[in-house]
All heavy atoms as atom14 arrays in JSON, in Angstrom:
{
  "sequence": "EAAILSRKDFVGIHDLIVHNYGPGRLFASVHVEVPQDINIVECHE",
  "atom14_mask": [
    [1, 1, 1, 1, 1, 1, 1, 1, 1, 0, 0, 0, 0, 0],
    [1, 1, 1, 1, 1, 0, 0, 0, 0, 0, 0, 0, 0, 0],
    [1, 1, 1, 1, 1, 0, 0, 0, 0, 0, 0, 0, 0, 0],
    [1, 1, 1, 1, 1, 1, 1, 1, 0, 0, 0, 0, 0, 0],
    [1, 1, 1, 1, 1, 1, 1, 1, 0, 0, 0, 0, 0, 0],
    [1, 1, 1, 1, 1, 1, 0, 0, 0, 0, 0, 0, 0, 0],
    [1, 1, 1, 1, 1, 1, 1, 1, 1, 1, 1, 0, 0, 0],
    [1, 1, 1, 1, 1, 1, 1, 1, 1, 0, 0, 0, 0, 0],
    [1, 1, 1, 1, 1, 1, 1, 1, 0, 0, 0, 0, 0, 0],
    [1, 1, 1, 1, 1, 1, 1, 1, 1, 1, 1, 0, 0, 0],
    [1, 1, 1, 1, 1, 1, 1, 0, 0, 0, 0, 0, 0, 0],
    [1, 1, 1, 1, 0, 0, 0, 0, 0, 0, 0, 0, 0, 0],
    [1, 1, 1, 1, 1, 1, 1, 1, 0, 0, 0, 0, 0, 0],
    [1, 1, 1, 1, 1, 1, 1, 1, 1, 1, 0, 0, 0, 0],
    [1, 1, 1, 1, 1, 1, 1, 1, 0, 0, 0, 0, 0, 0],
    [1, 1, 1, 1, 1, 1, 1, 1, 0, 0, 0, 0, 0, 0],
    [1, 1, 1, 1, 1, 1, 1, 1, 0, 0, 0, 0, 0, 0],
    [1, 1, 1, 1, 1, 1, 1, 0, 0, 0, 0, 0, 0, 0],
    [1, 1, 1, 1, 1, 1, 1, 1, 1, 1, 0, 0, 0, 0],
    [1, 1, 1, 1, 1, 1, 1, 1, 0, 0, 0, 0, 0, 0],
    [1, 1, 1, 1, 1, 1, 1, 1, 1, 1, 1, 1, 0, 0],
    [1, 1, 1, 1, 0, 0, 0, 0, 0, 0, 0, 0, 0, 0],
    [1, 1, 1, 1, 1, 1, 1, 0, 0, 0, 0, 0, 0, 0],
    [1, 1, 1, 1, 0, 0, 0, 0, 0, 0, 0, 0, 0, 0],
    [1, 1, 1, 1, 1, 1, 1, 1, 1, 1, 1, 0, 0, 0],
    [1, 1, 1, 1, 1, 1, 1, 1, 0, 0, 0, 0, 0, 0],
    [1, 1, 1, 1, 1, 1, 1, 1, 1, 1, 1, 0, 0, 0],
    [1, 1, 1, 1, 1, 0, 0, 0, 0, 0, 0, 0, 0, 0],
    [1, 1, 1, 1, 1, 1, 0, 0, 0, 0, 0, 0, 0, 0],
    [1, 1, 1, 1, 1, 1, 1, 0, 0, 0, 0, 0, 0, 0],
    [1, 1, 1, 1, 1, 1, 1, 1, 1, 1, 0, 0, 0, 0],
    [1, 1, 1, 1, 1, 1, 1, 0, 0, 0, 0, 0, 0, 0],
    [1, 1, 1, 1, 1, 1, 1, 1, 1, 0, 0, 0, 0, 0],
    [1, 1, 1, 1, 1, 1, 1, 0, 0, 0, 0, 0, 0, 0],
    [1, 1, 1, 1, 1, 1, 1, 0, 0, 0, 0, 0, 0, 0],
    [1, 1, 1, 1, 1, 1, 1, 1, 1, 0, 0, 0, 0, 0],
    [1, 1, 1, 1, 1, 1, 1, 1, 0, 0, 0, 0, 0, 0],
    [1, 1, 1, 1, 1, 1, 1, 1, 0, 0, 0, 0, 0, 0],
    [1, 1, 1, 1, 1, 1, 1, 1, 0, 0, 0, 0, 0, 0],
    [1, 1, 1, 1, 1, 1, 1, 1, 0, 0, 0, 0, 0, 0],
    [1, 1, 1, 1, 1, 1, 1, 0, 0, 0, 0, 0, 0, 0],
    [1, 1, 1, 1, 1, 1, 1, 1, 1, 0, 0, 0, 0, 0],
    [1, 1, 1, 1, 1, 1, 0, 0, 0, 0, 0, 0, 0, 0],
    [1, 1, 1, 1, 1, 1, 1, 1, 1, 1, 0, 0, 0, 0],
    [1, 1, 1, 1, 1, 1, 1, 1, 1, 0, 0, 0, 0, 0]
  ],
  "atom14_positions": [
    [[-0.78, -8.36, -19.12], [0.52, -9.0, -19.42], [0.36, -10.33, -20.11], [1.04, -10.66, -21.07], [1.32, -9.17, -18.11], [1.78, -7.84, -17.54], [2.52, -8.01, -16.24], [2.41, -9.12, -15.64], [3.28, -7.08, -15.8], [0.0, 0.0, 0.0], [0.0, 0.0, 0.0], [0.0, 0.0, 0.0], [0.0, 0.0, 0.0], [0.0, 0.0, 0.0]],
    [[-0.6, -11.17, -19.59], [-0.79, -12.54, -20.17], [-1.26, -12.41, -21.61], [-0.83, -13.17, -22.47], [-1.77, -13.31, -19.31], [0.0, 0.0, 0.0], [0.0, 0.0, 0.0], [0.0, 0.0, 0.0], [0.0, 0.0, 0.0], [0.0, 0.0, 0.0], [0.0, 0.0, 0.0], [0.0, 0.0, 0.0], [0.0, 0.0, 0.0], [0.0, 0.0, 0.0]],
    [[-2.17, -11.48, -21.89], [-2.69, -11.29, -23.24], [-1.62, -10.9, -24.23], [-1.54, -11.38, -25.36], [-3.84, -10.28, -23.26], [0.0, 0.0, 0.0], [0.0, 0.0, 0.0], [0.0, 0.0, 0.0], [0.0, 0.0, 0.0], [0.0, 0.0, 0.0], [0.0, 0.0, 0.0], [0.0, 0.0, 0.0], [0.0, 0.0, 0.0], [0.0, 0.0, 0.0]],
    [[-0.71, -10.01, -23.78], [0.35, -9.53, -24.65], [1.4, -10.61, -24.89], [1.8, -10.89, -26.02], [0.99, -8.28, -24.04], [0.02, -7.12, -24.03], [2.25, -7.88, -24.83], [0.51, -5.88, -23.3], [0.0, 0.0, 0.0], [0.0, 0.0, 0.0], [0.0, 0.0, 0.0], [0.0, 0.0, 0.0], [0.0, 0.0, 0.0], [0.0, 0.0, 0.0]],
    [[1.87, -11.22, -23.8], [2.95, -12.23, -23.91], [2.48, -13.53, -24.5], [3.31, -14.41, -24.77], [3.58, -12.44, -22.56], [4.29, -11.19, -21.95], [4.83, -11.53, -20.56], [5.42, -10.73, -22.88], [0.0, 0.0, 0.0], [0.0, 0.0, 0.0], [0.0, 0.0, 0.0], [0.0, 0.0, 0.0], [0.0, 0.0, 0.0], [0.0, 0.0, 0.0]],
    [[1.2, -13.71, -24.68], [0.67, -14.95, -25.36], [1.07, -14.96, -26.86], [0.99, -16.02, -27.48], [-0.82, -15.07, -25.15], [-1.49, -14.02, -25.86], [0.0, 0.0, 0.0], [0.0, 0.0, 0.0], [0.0, 0.0, 0.0], [0.0, 0.0, 0.0], [0.0, 0.0, 0.0], [0.0, 0.0, 0.0], [0.0, 0.0, 0.0], [0.0, 0.0, 0.0]],
    [[1.42, -13.82, -27.4], [1.78, -13.75, -28.83], [3.25, -14.04, -28.97], [4.1, -13.44, -28.26], [1.41, -12.38, -29.4], [-0.08, -12.12, -29.3], [-0.57, -10.82, -29.87], [-2.01, -10.81, -29.77], [-2.83, -11.28, -30.66], [-2.38, -11.82, -31.8], [-4.16, -11.22, -30.49], [0.0, 0.0, 0.0], [0.0, 0.0, 0.0], [0.0, 0.0, 0.0]],
    [[3.62, -14.91, -29.88], [4.93, -15.49, -29.95], [6.03, -14.45, -30.22], [7.2, -14.66, -29.8], [4.97, -16.6, -30.98], [4.75, -16.17, -32.42], [4.77, -17.38, -33.35], [4.55, -16.95, -34.83], [5.65, -16.1, -35.31], [0.0, 0.0, 0.0], [0.0, 0.0, 0.0], [0.0, 0.0, 0.0], [0.0, 0.0, 0.0], [0.0, 0.0, 0.0]],
    [[5.71, -13.4, -30.92], [6.76, -12.43, -31.3], [6.94, -11.32, -30.24], [7.85, -10.51, -30.34], [6.43, -11.77, -32.64], [6.58, -12.78, -33.78], [7.49, -13.63, -33.67], [5.82, -12.71, -34.75], [0.0, 0.0, 0.0], [0.0, 0.0, 0.0], [0.0, 0.0, 0.0], [0.0, 0.0, 0.0], [0.0, 0.0, 0.0], [0.0, 0.0, 0.0]],
    [[6.11, -11.32, -29.2], [6.26, -10.33, -28.14], [7.04, -10.95, -27.0], [6.55, -11.84, -26.32], [4.87, -9.84, -27.67], [4.09, -9.15, -28.72], [2.72, -8.86, -28.48], [4.61, -8.77, -29.92], [1.98, -8.2, -29.45], [3.84, -8.11, -30.91], [2.54, -7.81, -30.64], [0.0, 0.0, 0.0], [0.0, 0.0, 0.0], [0.0, 0.0, 0.0]],
    [[8.26, -10.47, -26.76], [9.15, -11.16, -25.84], [9.2, -10.5, -24.44], [9.78, -11.05, -23.52], [10.56, -11.24, -26.41], [10.57, -12.07, -27.65], [11.14, -9.82, -26.75], [0.0, 0.0, 0.0], [0.0, 0.0, 0.0], [0.0, 0.0, 0.0], [0.0, 0.0, 0.0], [0.0, 0.0, 0.0], [0.0, 0.0, 0.0], [0.0, 0.0, 0.0]],
    [[8.67, -9.28, -24.29], [8.68, -8.62, -23.0], [7.88, -7.33, -23.03], [7.61, -6.8, -24.1], [0.0, 0.0, 0.0], [0.0, 0.0, 0.0], [0.0, 0.0, 0.0], [0.0, 0.0, 0.0], [0.0, 0.0, 0.0], [0.0, 0.0, 0.0], [0.0, 0.0, 0.0], [0.0, 0.0, 0.0], [0.0, 0.0, 0.0], [0.0, 0.0, 0.0]],
    [[7.45, -6.9, -21.86], [6.71, -5.62, -21.78], [7.25, -4.79, -20.61], [7.84, -5.28, -19.65], [5.17, -5.84, -21.58], [4.91, -6.41, -20.22], [4.63, -6.74, -22.64], [3.43, -6.49, -19.89], [0.0, 0.0, 0.0], [0.0, 0.0, 0.0], [0.0, 0.0, 0.0], [0.0, 0.0, 0.0], [0.0, 0.0, 0.0], [0.0, 0.0, 0.0]],
    [[7.03, -3.47, -20.72], [7.43, -2.56, -19.64], [6.66, -1.25, -19.83], [5.99, -1.06, -20.86], [8.9, -2.33, -19.61], [9.5, -1.83, -20.94], [9.52, -0.56, -21.3], [10.04, -2.54, -21.92], [10.09, -0.42, -22.45], [10.42, -1.62, -22.91], [0.0, 0.0, 0.0], [0.0, 0.0, 0.0], [0.0, 0.0, 0.0], [0.0, 0.0, 0.0]],
    [[6.84, -0.34, -18.87], [6.19, 0.99, -18.95], [4.67, 0.87, -19.15], [4.09, 1.63, -19.9], [6.81, 1.84, -20.01], [8.22, 2.26, -19.67], [8.56, 2.15, -18.5], [8.97, 2.66, -20.61], [0.0, 0.0, 0.0], [0.0, 0.0, 0.0], [0.0, 0.0, 0.0], [0.0, 0.0, 0.0], [0.0, 0.0, 0.0], [0.0, 0.0, 0.0]],
    [[4.03, -0.07, -18.41], [2.59, -0.17, -18.5], [1.96, 0.87, -17.6], [2.22, 0.98, -16.42], [2.12, -1.58, -18.06], [0.62, -1.78, -17.95], [-0.06, -1.55, -19.26], [0.31, -3.22, -17.44], [0.0, 0.0, 0.0], [0.0, 0.0, 0.0], [0.0, 0.0, 0.0], [0.0, 0.0, 0.0], [0.0, 0.0, 0.0], [0.0, 0.0, 0.0]],
    [[1.1, 1.69, -18.21], [0.39, 2.77, -17.47], [-1.09, 2.66, -17.76], [-1.49, 2.58, -18.91], [0.9, 4.18, -17.87], [2.41, 4.31, -17.63], [0.15, 5.25, -17.07], [2.99, 5.61, -18.11], [0.0, 0.0, 0.0], [0.0, 0.0, 0.0], [0.0, 0.0, 0.0], [0.0, 0.0, 0.0], [0.0, 0.0, 0.0], [0.0, 0.0, 0.0]],
    [[-1.93, 2.64, -16.7], [-3.36, 2.5, -16.82], [-4.02, 3.74, -16.2], [-3.76, 4.05, -15.04], [-3.92, 1.23, -16.18], [-5.4, 1.14, -16.31], [-3.24, 0.0, -16.77], [0.0, 0.0, 0.0], [0.0, 0.0, 0.0], [0.0, 0.0, 0.0], [0.0, 0.0, 0.0], [0.0, 0.0, 0.0], [0.0, 0.0, 0.0], [0.0, 0.0, 0.0]],
    [[-4.86, 4.4, -16.93], [-5.61, 5.59, -16.43], [-7.11, 5.21, -16.29], [-7.67, 4.65, -17.21], [-5.48, 6.76, -17.4], [-4.04, 7.23, -17.58], [-3.42, 8.06, -16.67], [-3.15, 7.01, -18.56], [-2.15, 8.31, -17.07], [-2.02, 7.69, -18.24], [0.0, 0.0, 0.0], [0.0, 0.0, 0.0], [0.0, 0.0, 0.0], [0.0, 0.0, 0.0]],
    [[-7.64, 5.57, -15.15], [-9.05, 5.26, -14.86], [-9.82, 6.58, -14.94], [-9.69, 7.47, -14.09], [-9.17, 4.64, -13.45], [-10.57, 4.2, -13.11], [-11.5, 4.62, -13.73], [-10.71, 3.42, -12.07], [0.0, 0.0, 0.0], [0.0, 0.0, 0.0], [0.0, 0.0, 0.0], [0.0, 0.0, 0.0], [0.0, 0.0, 0.0], [0.0, 0.0, 0.0]],
    [[-10.75, 6.67, -15.91], [-11.62, 7.84, -16.03], [-13.02, 7.54, -15.62], [-13.98, 8.11, -16.09], [-11.53, 8.38, -17.45], [-10.24, 9.09, -17.74], [-9.17, 8.33, -18.31], [-10.06, 10.4, -17.47], [-7.97, 8.96, -18.59], [-8.85, 11.04, -17.74], [-7.83, 10.33, -18.29], [-6.6, 10.93, -18.56], [0.0, 0.0, 0.0], [0.0, 0.0, 0.0]],
    [[-13.2, 6.54, -14.74], [-14.54, 6.14, -14.3], [-14.81, 4.7, -14.66], [-14.1, 4.11, -15.53], [0.0, 0.0, 0.0], [0.0, 0.0, 0.0], [0.0, 0.0, 0.0], [0.0, 0.0, 0.0], [0.0, 0.0, 0.0], [0.0, 0.0, 0.0], [0.0, 0.0, 0.0], [0.0, 0.0, 0.0], [0.0, 0.0, 0.0], [0.0, 0.0, 0.0]],
    [[-15.8, 4.08, -14.08], [-16.13, 2.7, -14.4], [-16.35, 2.48, -15.89], [-17.07, 3.22, -16.53], [-17.44, 2.47, -13.59], [-17.36, 3.44, -12.5], [-16.71, 4.65, -13.04], [0.0, 0.0, 0.0], [0.0, 0.0, 0.0], [0.0, 0.0, 0.0], [0.0, 0.0, 0.0], [0.0, 0.0, 0.0], [0.0, 0.0, 0.0], [0.0, 0.0, 0.0]],
    [[-15.64, 1.48, -16.4], [-15.79, 1.18, -17.84], [-15.02, 2.13, -18.75], [-15.22, 2.1, -19.98], [0.0, 0.0, 0.0], [0.0, 0.0, 0.0], [0.0, 0.0, 0.0], [0.0, 0.0, 0.0], [0.0, 0.0, 0.0], [0.0, 0.0, 0.0], [0.0, 0.0, 0.0], [0.0, 0.0, 0.0], [0.0, 0.0, 0.0], [0.0, 0.0, 0.0]],
    [[-14.18, 2.97, -18.19], [-13.43, 3.94, -18.99], [-11.96, 3.85, -18.64], [-11.39, 4.75, -17.98], [-13.98, 5.35, -18.77], [-15.42, 5.53, -19.18], [-15.98, 6.83, -18.69], [-17.32, 7.07, -19.12], [-18.4, 6.58, -18.5], [-18.25, 5.87, -17.4], [-19.61, 6.86, -18.93], [0.0, 0.0, 0.0], [0.0, 0.0, 0.0], [0.0, 0.0, 0.0]],
    [[-11.3, 2.77, -19.06], [-9.92, 2.54, -18.77], [-9.05, 2.76, -20.05], [-9.41, 2.19, -21.1], [-9.7, 1.13, -18.24], [-10.32, 0.79, -16.88], [-10.09, -0.68, -16.52], [-9.71, 1.68, -15.8], [0.0, 0.0, 0.0], [0.0, 0.0, 0.0], [0.0, 0.0, 0.0], [0.0, 0.0, 0.0], [0.0, 0.0, 0.0], [0.0, 0.0, 0.0]],
    [[-8.01, 3.55, -19.92], [-7.09, 3.76, -21.01], [-5.69, 3.41, -20.59], [-5.29, 3.73, -19.42], [-7.16, 5.25, -21.47], [-8.5, 5.7, -21.94], [-9.48, 6.09, -21.07], [-8.78, 5.65, -23.31], [-10.74, 6.47, -21.49], [-10.06, 6.09, -23.76], [-11.02, 6.47, -22.83], [0.0, 0.0, 0.0], [0.0, 0.0, 0.0], [0.0, 0.0, 0.0]],
    [[-4.92, 2.78, -21.49], [-3.61, 2.3, -21.07], [-2.6, 2.41, -22.23], [-3.01, 2.47, -23.39], [-3.71, 0.85, -20.56], [0.0, 0.0, 0.0], [0.0, 0.0, 0.0], [0.0, 0.0, 0.0], [0.0, 0.0, 0.0], [0.0, 0.0, 0.0], [0.0, 0.0, 0.0], [0.0, 0.0, 0.0], [0.0, 0.0, 0.0], [0.0, 0.0, 0.0]],
    [[-1.34, 2.41, -21.86], [-0.25, 2.37, -22.85], [0.83, 1.46, -22.31], [0.99, 1.31, -21.07], [0.32, 3.74, -23.1], [0.89, 4.29, -21.93], [0.0, 0.0, 0.0], [0.0, 0.0, 0.0], [0.0, 0.0, 0.0], [0.0, 0.0, 0.0], [0.0, 0.0, 0.0], [0.0, 0.0, 0.0], [0.0, 0.0, 0.0], [0.0, 0.0, 0.0]],
    [[1.56, 0.83, -23.2], [2.6, -0.12, -22.77], [3.67, -0.24, -23.9], [3.36, -0.04, -25.07], [1.96, -1.54, -22.49], [1.44, -2.14, -23.79], [2.94, -2.46, -21.84], [0.0, 0.0, 0.0], [0.0, 0.0, 0.0], [0.0, 0.0, 0.0], [0.0, 0.0, 0.0], [0.0, 0.0, 0.0], [0.0, 0.0, 0.0], [0.0, 0.0, 0.0]],
    [[4.87, -0.52, -23.5], [5.97, -0.79, -24.43], [6.15, -2.32, -24.54], [6.22, -2.99, -23.5], [7.24, -0.15, -23.98], [7.27, 1.37, -24.09], [8.33, 2.09, -24.49], [6.31, 2.26, -23.81], [8.06, 3.35, -24.49], [6.8, 3.48, -24.06], [0.0, 0.0, 0.0], [0.0, 0.0, 0.0], [0.0, 0.0, 0.0], [0.0, 0.0, 0.0]],
    [[6.2, -2.77, -25.76], [6.37, -4.22, -25.99], [7.67, -4.49, -26.74], [7.93, -3.87, -27.79], [5.17, -4.84, -26.79], [5.41, -6.26, -27.14], [3.89, -4.64, -26.03], [0.0, 0.0, 0.0], [0.0, 0.0, 0.0], [0.0, 0.0, 0.0], [0.0, 0.0, 0.0], [0.0, 0.0, 0.0], [0.0, 0.0, 0.0], [0.0, 0.0, 0.0]],
    [[8.52, -5.35, -26.19], [9.76, -5.7, -26.83], [9.57, -6.77, -27.93], [8.92, -7.79, -27.62], [10.77, -6.19, -25.79], [11.07, -5.12, -24.74], [12.0, -5.62, -23.68], [12.31, -6.84, -23.63], [12.43, -4.83, -22.8], [0.0, 0.0, 0.0], [0.0, 0.0, 0.0], [0.0, 0.0, 0.0], [0.0, 0.0, 0.0], [0.0, 0.0, 0.0]],
    [[10.07, -6.53, -29.11], [9.98, -7.47, -30.21], [11.35, -7.66, -30.81], [12.22, -6.79, -30.71], [8.94, -6.97, -31.26], [7.59, -6.84, -30.66], [9.44, -5.65, -31.9], [0.0, 0.0, 0.0], [0.0, 0.0, 0.0], [0.0, 0.0, 0.0], [0.0, 0.0, 0.0], [0.0, 0.0, 0.0], [0.0, 0.0, 0.0], [0.0, 0.0, 0.0]],
    [[11.62, -8.77, -31.53], [12.92, -8.98, -32.19], [13.14, -7.86, -33.24], [12.21, -7.45, -33.97], [12.75, -10.35, -32.88], [11.67, -11.05, -32.08], [10.69, -9.96, -31.61], [0.0, 0.0, 0.0], [0.0, 0.0, 0.0], [0.0, 0.0, 0.0], [0.0, 0.0, 0.0], [0.0, 0.0, 0.0], [0.0, 0.0, 0.0], [0.0, 0.0, 0.0]],
    [[14.37, -7.35, -33.31], [14.68, -6.22, -34.18], [14.58, -6.62, -35.66], [14.44, -5.73, -36.5], [16.04, -5.67, -33.88], [17.2, -6.57, -34.12], [18.5, -5.94, -33.75], [18.59, -5.01, -32.98], [19.62, -6.5, -34.28], [0.0, 0.0, 0.0], [0.0, 0.0, 0.0], [0.0, 0.0, 0.0], [0.0, 0.0, 0.0], [0.0, 0.0, 0.0]],
    [[14.66, -7.89, -35.97], [14.62, -8.31, -37.37], [13.18, -8.75, -37.78], [12.99, -9.35, -38.84], [15.63, -9.44, -37.63], [15.4, -10.61, -36.69], [14.56, -10.53, -35.79], [16.08, -11.64, -36.86], [0.0, 0.0, 0.0], [0.0, 0.0, 0.0], [0.0, 0.0, 0.0], [0.0, 0.0, 0.0], [0.0, 0.0, 0.0], [0.0, 0.0, 0.0]],
    [[12.19, -8.45, -37.0], [10.83, -8.83, -37.28], [10.28, -8.05, -38.48], [10.7, -6.89, -38.72], [9.95, -8.64, -36.04], [8.56, -9.37, -36.24], [9.65, -7.16, -35.77], [7.71, -9.32, -34.96], [0.0, 0.0, 0.0], [0.0, 0.0, 0.0], [0.0, 0.0, 0.0], [0.0, 0.0, 0.0], [0.0, 0.0, 0.0], [0.0, 0.0, 0.0]],
    [[9.32, -8.65, -39.23], [8.68, -7.94, -40.29], [7.74, -6.9, -39.69], [6.82, -7.23, -38.9], [7.86, -8.96, -41.11], [7.19, -8.28, -42.3], [6.3, -7.53, -42.15], [7.62, -8.67, -43.52], [0.0, 0.0, 0.0], [0.0, 0.0, 0.0], [0.0, 0.0, 0.0], [0.0, 0.0, 0.0], [0.0, 0.0, 0.0], [0.0, 0.0, 0.0]],
    [[7.97, -5.63, -40.01], [7.27, -4.54, -39.39], [5.77, -4.58, -39.67], [4.96, -4.33, -38.76], [7.81, -3.18, -39.85], [9.29, -3.02, -39.5], [7.01, -2.02, -39.32], [9.48, -3.01, -37.97], [0.0, 0.0, 0.0], [0.0, 0.0, 0.0], [0.0, 0.0, 0.0], [0.0, 0.0, 0.0], [0.0, 0.0, 0.0], [0.0, 0.0, 0.0]],
    [[5.37, -4.95, -40.88], [3.98, -4.99, -41.25], [3.26, -6.07, -40.42], [2.22, -5.85, -39.86], [3.78, -5.23, -42.75], [2.31, -5.39, -43.1], [4.38, -4.11, -43.58], [0.0, 0.0, 0.0], [0.0, 0.0, 0.0], [0.0, 0.0, 0.0], [0.0, 0.0, 0.0], [0.0, 0.0, 0.0], [0.0, 0.0, 0.0], [0.0, 0.0, 0.0]],
    [[3.89, -7.24, -40.35], [3.3, -8.33, -39.56], [3.23, -7.97, -38.08], [2.23, -8.33, -37.42], [4.12, -9.61, -39.75], [4.02, -10.2, -41.19], [4.83, -11.47, -41.28], [5.47, -11.87, -40.31], [4.9, -12.03, -42.42], [0.0, 0.0, 0.0], [0.0, 0.0, 0.0], [0.0, 0.0, 0.0], [0.0, 0.0, 0.0], [0.0, 0.0, 0.0]],
    [[4.23, -7.31, -37.57], [4.26, -6.91, -36.16], [3.13, -5.93, -35.88], [2.46, -6.01, -34.88], [5.61, -6.31, -35.81], [5.77, -5.88, -34.06], [0.0, 0.0, 0.0], [0.0, 0.0, 0.0], [0.0, 0.0, 0.0], [0.0, 0.0, 0.0], [0.0, 0.0, 0.0], [0.0, 0.0, 0.0], [0.0, 0.0, 0.0], [0.0, 0.0, 0.0]],
    [[2.96, -4.95, -36.83], [1.91, -3.98, -36.61], [0.54, -4.66, -36.62], [-0.37, -4.28, -35.83], [1.98, -2.94, -37.73], [1.02, -1.83, -37.61], [-0.26, -1.84, -38.19], [1.11, -0.66, -36.9], [-0.87, -0.73, -37.88], [-0.13, 0.01, -37.05], [0.0, 0.0, 0.0], [0.0, 0.0, 0.0], [0.0, 0.0, 0.0], [0.0, 0.0, 0.0]],
    [[0.37, -5.63, -37.43], [-0.91, -6.37, -37.48], [-1.13, -7.09, -36.19], [-2.27, -7.04, -35.62], [-0.93, -7.38, -38.65], [-2.21, -8.13, -38.75], [-2.16, -9.18, -39.89], [-1.15, -9.22, -40.6], [-3.17, -9.87, -40.05], [0.0, 0.0, 0.0], [0.0, 0.0, 0.0], [0.0, 0.0, 0.0], [0.0, 0.0, 0.0], [0.0, 0.0, 0.0]]
  ]
}
């Protein structure tokens, strides 16, 4: 959460899911809220 919200254009997160497939094998997905008028290319970067 701290790593994501440290970026100025990311205003909130939710639906964080972490899957553990063994030590050193962590996979995750998360939804990040961004301003709707943000530049899509810059946001993707």
